[in-house]
Amino acid sequence: MAIHKILKMGDPRLLRTATAVTQFDTPELHALVADLWDTMRAASGAGLAAPQIGVNLQVVVFGSDQPNPRYPDRPLVPRTELINPAITPLTSMEEEDWEGCLSVPGLRGKVPRWSRIRYTGFDPSGQLIEREVEGFHARVVQHECDHLWGQLYPMRVRDFAQFGFVEELFPGLKAAESDD
C-alpha cells in the first residue's frame, strides 16, 4: 500500500474530532487500514490513528507480533484494527507512565491513564470487537483513541517537570528507541 507523512503537533487537523465510519468492508476502508499499518511499521510506532495521516475518520491500528524497538520492555499488544471505538474505565485508578507519539517527535511525557478499561468498536468488516484490558495495552488504546477526539498526549501531562526531550530525559536511550 502506501507510507504517509505523519502530521506533527501544531497541525490543526490533529485537533479535530474524527467522523464515524458509516460503511464497512469497502475497498477504501481496507486500503486506509493497510496504509496505517505500513506507515506505523515504517515509523516503528506502537499504534497510529487515521487523523495522524490527515484522514478524519475514527480508525486506529495498534499492536504487533514482535517487540517494538521504541518500547522494547513492554508486553506485546495484539494487532488490532479498531473503528468507531468507545472506551469505558473499569476502575477510577489511574497509572502514570511515559508516552511518546509519532506526531510529537523527540519528546516524552508522563501521562495518567485509567489502569483498566473496556473498549468496543468494529473491525474493517464491521464485526464487533469487545475487550477488557489493563496496563500497557490499555494505555496504547487510550492514547490512539485520543487522536480521534482531537487530543495529543501533552494535553494530558499534569507535571511538566515530567515532560521533555528524549535525549535529556533518557540520556542512555538508543536512537532506535527514541525516534518518536
Protein backbone atom coordinates (compact mmCIF):
# COMPACT_ATOMS: atom_id res chain seq x y z
CA MET A 1 0.00 0.00 0.00
CA ALA A 2 1.49 3.40 0.96
CA ILE A 3 3.53 5.10 3.65
CA HIS A 4 2.10 8.50 4.51
CA LYS A 5 3.60 11.60 6.10
CA ILE A 6 2.66 11.73 9.79
CA LEU A 7 1.22 15.07 10.85
CA LYS A 8 3.02 16.82 13.71
CA MET A 9 1.69 18.69 16.71
CA GLY A 10 0.70 22.17 15.58
CA ASP A 11 -1.19 20.92 12.54
CA PRO A 12 -4.84 21.89 13.20
CA ARG A 13 -6.08 18.63 11.65
CA LEU A 14 -4.83 16.82 14.77
CA LEU A 15 -7.24 18.80 16.94
CA ARG A 16 -10.44 17.80 15.14
CA THR A 17 -12.97 15.26 16.34
CA ALA A 18 -12.91 12.47 13.76
CA THR A 19 -16.02 11.40 11.88
CA ALA A 20 -17.52 7.95 12.50
CA VAL A 21 -17.14 5.36 9.76
CA THR A 22 -20.55 4.56 8.26
CA GLN A 23 -19.65 1.95 5.63
CA PHE A 24 -17.65 -1.15 6.45
CA ASP A 25 -15.90 -3.73 4.30
CA THR A 26 -15.21 -1.27 1.48
CA PRO A 27 -12.04 -1.21 -0.63
CA GLU A 28 -11.36 2.33 0.59
CA LEU A 29 -11.56 1.34 4.27
CA HIS A 30 -9.33 -1.71 3.74
CA ALA A 31 -6.82 0.47 1.85
CA LEU A 32 -6.80 3.04 4.68
CA VAL A 33 -6.15 0.32 7.27
CA ALA A 34 -3.32 -1.13 5.16
CA ASP A 35 -1.78 2.36 4.78
CA LEU A 36 -1.99 2.90 8.55
CA TRP A 37 -0.16 -0.39 9.19
CA ASP A 38 2.52 0.40 6.60
CA THR A 39 3.04 3.92 7.96
CA MET A 40 3.09 2.74 11.59
CA ARG A 41 5.62 -0.02 10.87
CA ALA A 42 7.87 2.33 8.87
CA ALA A 43 7.97 4.68 11.88
CA SER A 44 8.31 1.86 14.48
CA GLY A 45 5.12 3.02 16.14
CA ALA A 46 3.05 1.19 18.74
CA GLY A 47 -0.13 2.49 17.08
CA LEU A 48 -1.43 5.02 14.61
CA ALA A 49 -4.71 6.85 14.12
CA ALA A 50 -6.17 7.97 10.80
CA PRO A 51 -6.12 11.68 11.80
CA GLN A 52 -2.32 11.39 12.13
CA ILE A 53 -2.12 10.91 8.36
CA GLY A 54 -4.73 13.57 7.66
CA VAL A 55 -7.76 11.27 7.33
CA ASN A 56 -10.61 12.50 9.54
CA LEU A 57 -12.15 9.09 10.31
CA GLN A 58 -12.45 7.09 13.55
CA VAL A 59 -9.92 4.41 12.61
CA VAL A 60 -6.90 3.27 14.64
CA VAL A 61 -4.43 0.42 14.37
CA PHE A 62 -2.14 -0.76 17.14
CA GLY A 63 -0.14 -3.72 18.36
CA SER A 64 2.45 -6.05 16.94
CA ASP A 65 3.56 -9.67 16.73
CA GLN A 66 7.09 -8.73 17.82
CA PRO A 67 8.70 -6.34 20.33
CA ASN A 68 8.68 -2.68 19.36
CA PRO A 69 12.16 -1.06 19.21
CA ARG A 70 10.73 2.12 20.81
CA TYR A 71 9.19 0.14 23.69
CA PRO A 72 11.41 -2.96 23.97
CA ASP A 73 10.49 -3.78 27.58
CA ARG A 74 6.73 -3.51 27.11
CA PRO A 75 4.48 -6.53 26.68
CA LEU A 76 3.13 -7.32 23.24
CA VAL A 77 -0.28 -5.90 22.40
CA PRO A 78 -2.32 -7.92 19.88
CA ARG A 79 -2.52 -6.47 16.38
CA THR A 80 -5.85 -4.66 16.27
CA GLU A 81 -7.78 -2.60 13.75
CA LEU A 82 -10.40 -0.62 15.67
CA ILE A 83 -13.11 1.53 14.12
CA ASN A 84 -15.59 3.82 15.89
CA PRO A 85 -14.21 2.95 19.33
CA ALA A 86 -15.70 3.61 22.73
CA ILE A 87 -13.74 3.35 25.99
CA THR A 88 -15.22 2.67 29.41
CA PRO A 89 -13.00 2.81 32.51
CA LEU A 90 -13.34 -0.27 34.72
CA THR A 91 -11.74 1.48 37.68
CA SER A 92 -11.14 5.04 38.77
CA MET A 93 -7.49 4.12 39.42
CA GLU A 94 -5.00 5.78 37.10
CA GLU A 95 -1.40 4.93 36.35
CA GLU A 96 1.18 7.46 35.22
CA ASP A 97 3.77 6.31 32.72
CA TRP A 98 5.94 7.66 29.93
CA GLU A 99 4.43 8.16 26.50
CA GLY A 100 5.76 9.28 23.17
CA CYS A 101 3.95 9.95 19.93
CA LEU A 102 4.78 9.87 16.26
CA SER A 103 3.07 13.27 15.97
CA VAL A 104 5.21 14.71 18.79
CA PRO A 105 8.69 13.50 17.73
CA GLY A 106 11.60 13.58 20.12
CA LEU A 107 9.54 14.23 23.24
CA ARG A 108 8.18 12.06 26.04
CA GLY A 109 5.95 12.82 28.98
CA LYS A 110 4.39 11.10 31.98
CA VAL A 111 0.69 10.72 31.29
CA PRO A 112 -2.07 9.49 33.61
CA ARG A 113 -4.34 6.85 32.09
CA TRP A 114 -7.02 4.55 33.50
CA SER A 115 -5.36 1.31 34.52
CA ARG A 116 -8.22 -0.96 33.36
CA ILE A 117 -10.65 -0.30 30.53
CA ARG A 118 -13.23 -1.94 28.32
CA TYR A 119 -13.07 -0.93 24.71
CA THR A 120 -15.53 -1.66 21.96
CA GLY A 121 -15.64 -0.92 18.28
CA PHE A 122 -15.58 -2.71 14.97
CA ASP A 123 -13.07 -4.30 12.66
CA PRO A 124 -12.96 -3.21 9.00
CA SER A 125 -15.54 -5.86 8.07
CA GLY A 126 -17.98 -4.48 10.65
CA GLN A 127 -17.52 -7.27 13.20
CA LEU A 128 -17.87 -6.19 16.83
CA ILE A 129 -14.74 -6.03 18.99
CA GLU A 130 -15.09 -6.02 22.80
CA ARG A 131 -12.12 -6.34 25.14
CA GLU A 132 -11.24 -5.70 28.75
CA VAL A 133 -7.57 -4.80 29.12
CA GLU A 134 -5.09 -3.28 31.54
CA GLY A 135 -1.54 -1.96 31.71
CA PHE A 136 0.32 -1.10 28.51
CA HIS A 137 -2.48 -2.43 26.29
CA ALA A 138 -4.98 -0.08 27.99
CA ARG A 139 -2.51 2.82 27.65
CA VAL A 140 -1.98 2.25 23.93
CA VAL A 141 -5.73 2.10 23.24
CA GLN A 142 -6.41 5.29 25.20
CA HIS A 143 -3.52 7.11 23.51
CA GLU A 144 -4.63 6.14 19.99
CA CYS A 145 -8.30 6.87 20.64
CA ASP A 146 -7.37 10.30 21.99
CA HIS A 147 -6.25 11.14 18.43
CA LEU A 148 -9.83 10.54 17.27
CA TRP A 149 -11.08 13.12 19.76
CA GLY A 150 -8.53 15.83 18.99
CA GLN A 151 -6.28 15.12 21.98
CA LEU A 152 -2.48 14.77 21.97
CA TYR A 153 -0.74 13.28 24.99
CA PRO A 154 0.96 16.57 26.04
CA MET A 155 -2.55 17.90 26.74
CA ARG A 156 -2.85 15.23 29.45
CA VAL A 157 0.54 15.80 31.12
CA ARG A 158 -0.05 17.09 34.66
CA ASP A 159 3.53 17.74 35.74
CA PHE A 160 5.66 19.41 33.10
CA ALA A 161 8.78 18.53 35.08
CA GLN A 162 7.98 15.05 33.68
CA PHE A 163 7.92 16.19 30.03
CA GLY A 164 10.84 16.84 27.75
CA PHE A 165 13.20 15.77 25.02
CA VAL A 166 14.08 12.09 24.98
CA GLU A 167 17.84 12.69 24.88
CA GLU A 168 17.60 14.87 28.02
CA LEU A 169 15.23 12.63 29.97
CA PHE A 170 16.86 9.32 28.98
CA PRO A 171 20.49 10.05 28.02
CA GLY A 172 21.39 6.36 27.52
CA LEU A 173 18.47 5.55 25.25
CA LYS A 174 19.48 4.21 21.84
CA ALA A 175 18.46 6.17 18.76
CA ALA A 176 16.03 3.47 17.58
CA GLU A 177 14.25 3.64 20.90
CA SER A 178 13.93 7.43 20.91
CA ASP A 179 12.63 8.09 17.42
CA ASP A 180 9.07 9.19 18.00
